[in-house]
């Protein structure tokens, strides 16, 4: 079980414990969270969430980008520093190989900038 799967399980538990199950479709929540693994939306609802997650790539301010990168590294520190470096390199490589990075109507213009 990886970080995204644990996040999905926790989100579903929190939703079902604290909300009316009819208000939020936990299946969609799980799909959205799991779509973050490859940063490729499999459903329409994932597009904006993934774009917001990737929006730090479009920051013009290096210091803000670096700060957000350090927060992400802290989040995954339990994997170990060497694995974080390897994971970051893989993430960058995979991102650069994608046909597009942003998918929602709100962020689609960013594909032309970056």
C-alpha atoms as a PDB file:
ATOM      1  CA  UNK A   1       0.000   0.000   0.000  1.00  0.00           C
ATOM      2  CA  UNK A   2       1.544   3.309  -1.090  1.00  0.00           C
ATOM      3  CA  UNK A   3       0.982   6.887   0.018  1.00  0.00           C
ATOM      4  CA  UNK A   4      -1.875   7.551  -2.420  1.00  0.00           C
ATOM      5  CA  UNK A   5      -3.712   4.370  -1.414  1.00  0.00           C
ATOM      6  CA  UNK A   6      -3.321   5.209   2.278  1.00  0.00           C
ATOM      7  CA  UNK A   7      -4.623   8.722   1.540  1.00  0.00           C
ATOM      8  CA  UNK A   8      -7.637   7.279  -0.277  1.00  0.00           C
ATOM      9  CA  UNK A   9      -8.435   4.895   2.578  1.00  0.00           C
ATOM     10  CA  UNK A  10      -8.097   7.675   5.159  1.00  0.00           C
ATOM     11  CA  UNK A  11     -10.221  10.070   3.104  1.00  0.00           C
ATOM     12  CA  UNK A  12     -12.967   7.483   2.692  1.00  0.00           C
ATOM     13  CA  UNK A  13     -12.914   6.683   6.421  1.00  0.00           C
ATOM     14  CA  UNK A  14     -13.061  10.393   7.318  1.00  0.00           C
ATOM     15  CA  UNK A  15     -15.885  11.002   4.857  1.00  0.00           C
ATOM     16  CA  UNK A  16     -17.971   8.072   6.023  1.00  0.00           C
ATOM     17  CA  UNK A  17     -17.305   8.847   9.713  1.00  0.00           C
ATOM     18  CA  UNK A  18     -18.068  12.560   9.501  1.00  0.00           C
ATOM     19  CA  UNK A  19     -20.487  13.136   6.627  1.00  0.00           C
ATOM     20  CA  UNK A  20     -23.636  11.926   5.018  1.00  0.00           C
ATOM     21  CA  UNK A  21     -22.510   9.213   2.603  1.00  0.00           C
ATOM     22  CA  UNK A  22     -24.978  10.551   0.042  1.00  0.00           C
ATOM     23  CA  UNK A  23     -23.225  13.929  -0.157  1.00  0.00           C
ATOM     24  CA  UNK A  24     -19.821  12.650  -1.307  1.00  0.00           C
ATOM     25  CA  UNK A  25     -19.177   9.727  -3.611  1.00  0.00           C
ATOM     26  CA  UNK A  26     -16.322   7.910  -1.883  1.00  0.00           C
ATOM     27  CA  UNK A  27     -15.599   5.892  -5.022  1.00  0.00           C
ATOM     28  CA  UNK A  28     -14.846   9.112  -6.928  1.00  0.00           C
ATOM     29  CA  UNK A  29     -12.672  10.367  -4.052  1.00  0.00           C
ATOM     30  CA  UNK A  30     -10.683   7.134  -4.151  1.00  0.00           C
ATOM     31  CA  UNK A  31     -10.226   7.341  -7.939  1.00  0.00           C
ATOM     32  CA  UNK A  32      -9.076  10.965  -7.761  1.00  0.00           C
ATOM     33  CA  UNK A  33      -6.512  10.203  -5.085  1.00  0.00           C
ATOM     34  CA  UNK A  34      -5.239   7.162  -6.969  1.00  0.00           C
ATOM     35  CA  UNK A  35      -5.002   9.218 -10.188  1.00  0.00           C
ATOM     36  CA  UNK A  36      -2.311  11.270  -8.447  1.00  0.00           C
ATOM     37  CA  UNK A  37       0.045   8.275  -8.705  1.00  0.00           C
ATOM     38  CA  UNK A  38       0.731   8.871 -12.407  1.00  0.00           C
ATOM     39  CA  UNK A  39      -0.733  12.372 -12.600  1.00  0.00           C
ATOM     40  CA  UNK A  40      -3.070  11.193 -15.335  1.00  0.00           C
ATOM     41  CA  UNK A  41      -6.804  11.725 -14.895  1.00  0.00           C
ATOM     42  CA  UNK A  42      -8.998   8.700 -15.504  1.00  0.00           C
ATOM     43  CA  UNK A  43     -12.213  10.598 -14.747  1.00  0.00           C
ATOM     44  CA  UNK A  44     -13.349  14.166 -15.379  1.00  0.00           C
ATOM     45  CA  UNK A  45     -13.406  14.937 -11.659  1.00  0.00           C
ATOM     46  CA  UNK A  46      -9.658  14.283 -11.401  1.00  0.00           C
ATOM     47  CA  UNK A  47      -8.573  16.941 -13.868  1.00  0.00           C
ATOM     48  CA  UNK A  48      -8.794  20.039 -11.682  1.00  0.00           C
ATOM     49  CA  UNK A  49      -7.456  18.244  -8.583  1.00  0.00           C
ATOM     50  CA  UNK A  50      -4.403  17.009 -10.511  1.00  0.00           C
ATOM     51  CA  UNK A  51      -3.848  20.448 -12.034  1.00  0.00           C
ATOM     52  CA  UNK A  52      -3.893  22.109  -8.635  1.00  0.00           C
ATOM     53  CA  UNK A  53      -1.448  19.462  -7.418  1.00  0.00           C
ATOM     54  CA  UNK A  54       0.874  20.195 -10.355  1.00  0.00           C
ATOM     55  CA  UNK A  55       0.419  23.979 -10.314  1.00  0.00           C
ATOM     56  CA  UNK A  56       3.653  24.487  -8.370  1.00  0.00           C
ATOM     57  CA  UNK A  57       5.488  23.607 -11.610  1.00  0.00           C
ATOM     58  CA  UNK A  58       4.189  26.820 -13.129  1.00  0.00           C
ATOM     59  CA  UNK A  59       5.493  29.091 -10.369  1.00  0.00           C
ATOM     60  CA  UNK A  60       7.817  31.812 -11.563  1.00  0.00           C
ATOM     61  CA  UNK A  61       9.251  32.243  -8.081  1.00  0.00           C
ATOM     62  CA  UNK A  62      12.034  29.691  -7.532  1.00  0.00           C
ATOM     63  CA  UNK A  63      11.996  30.238  -3.752  1.00  0.00           C
ATOM     64  CA  UNK A  64       8.301  29.429  -3.491  1.00  0.00           C
ATOM     65  CA  UNK A  65       8.769  26.354  -5.698  1.00  0.00           C
ATOM     66  CA  UNK A  66      11.736  25.219  -3.562  1.00  0.00           C
ATOM     67  CA  UNK A  67       9.708  25.739  -0.374  1.00  0.00           C
ATOM     68  CA  UNK A  68       6.859  23.609  -1.732  1.00  0.00           C
ATOM     69  CA  UNK A  69       9.379  20.974  -2.838  1.00  0.00           C
ATOM     70  CA  UNK A  70      10.781  20.841   0.710  1.00  0.00           C
ATOM     71  CA  UNK A  71       7.260  20.368   2.111  1.00  0.00           C
ATOM     72  CA  UNK A  72       6.733  17.459  -0.283  1.00  0.00           C
ATOM     73  CA  UNK A  73      10.075  15.931   0.713  1.00  0.00           C
ATOM     74  CA  UNK A  74       9.076  16.209   4.372  1.00  0.00           C
ATOM     75  CA  UNK A  75       5.785  14.453   3.607  1.00  0.00           C
ATOM     76  CA  UNK A  76       7.632  11.487   2.082  1.00  0.00           C
ATOM     77  CA  UNK A  77      10.574  11.456   4.516  1.00  0.00           C
ATOM     78  CA  UNK A  78       9.545   8.021   5.788  1.00  0.00           C
ATOM     79  CA  UNK A  79      10.761   6.630   2.427  1.00  0.00           C
ATOM     80  CA  UNK A  80      14.319   7.823   3.201  1.00  0.00           C
ATOM     81  CA  UNK A  81      16.313  10.648   1.609  1.00  0.00           C
ATOM     82  CA  UNK A  82      17.853   8.484  -1.140  1.00  0.00           C
ATOM     83  CA  UNK A  83      14.427   7.227  -2.206  1.00  0.00           C
ATOM     84  CA  UNK A  84      13.071  10.779  -2.220  1.00  0.00           C
ATOM     85  CA  UNK A  85      15.841  11.843  -4.617  1.00  0.00           C
ATOM     86  CA  UNK A  86      15.205   8.831  -6.873  1.00  0.00           C
ATOM     87  CA  UNK A  87      11.454   9.408  -6.725  1.00  0.00           C
ATOM     88  CA  UNK A  88      11.870  13.086  -7.568  1.00  0.00           C
ATOM     89  CA  UNK A  89      14.043  12.265 -10.576  1.00  0.00           C
ATOM     90  CA  UNK A  90      11.502   9.688 -11.790  1.00  0.00           C
ATOM     91  CA  UNK A  91       8.656  12.165 -11.277  1.00  0.00           C
ATOM     92  CA  UNK A  92      10.458  14.850 -13.310  1.00  0.00           C
ATOM     93  CA  UNK A  93      11.345  12.382 -16.081  1.00  0.00           C
ATOM     94  CA  UNK A  94       7.788  11.017 -16.264  1.00  0.00           C
ATOM     95  CA  UNK A  95       6.311  14.528 -16.215  1.00  0.00           C
ATOM     96  CA  UNK A  96       8.552  15.715 -19.052  1.00  0.00           C
ATOM     97  CA  UNK A  97       7.554  12.695 -21.142  1.00  0.00           C
ATOM     98  CA  UNK A  98       3.822  13.420 -20.860  1.00  0.00           C
ATOM     99  CA  UNK A  99       2.042  14.942 -23.844  1.00  0.00           C
ATOM    100  CA  UNK A 100       0.536  17.493 -21.503  1.00  0.00           C
ATOM    101  CA  UNK A 101       0.825  18.347 -17.823  1.00  0.00           C
ATOM    102  CA  UNK A 102      -2.437  20.194 -17.207  1.00  0.00           C
ATOM    103  CA  UNK A 103      -5.865  18.782 -18.070  1.00  0.00           C
ATOM    104  CA  UNK A 104      -8.646  21.009 -16.756  1.00  0.00           C
ATOM    105  CA  UNK A 105     -10.152  23.882 -18.697  1.00  0.00           C
ATOM    106  CA  UNK A 106      -8.942  26.226 -15.950  1.00  0.00           C
ATOM    107  CA  UNK A 107      -5.277  25.187 -16.323  1.00  0.00           C
ATOM    108  CA  UNK A 108      -5.051  24.018 -19.952  1.00  0.00           C
ATOM    109  CA  UNK A 109      -3.495  27.327 -21.068  1.00  0.00           C
ATOM    110  CA  UNK A 110      -0.455  26.444 -18.915  1.00  0.00           C
ATOM    111  CA  UNK A 111       0.525  23.694 -21.382  1.00  0.00           C
ATOM    112  CA  UNK A 112       1.425  26.420 -23.856  1.00  0.00           C
ATOM    113  CA  UNK A 113       3.480  28.426 -21.313  1.00  0.00           C
ATOM    114  CA  UNK A 114       5.558  25.565 -19.986  1.00  0.00           C
END
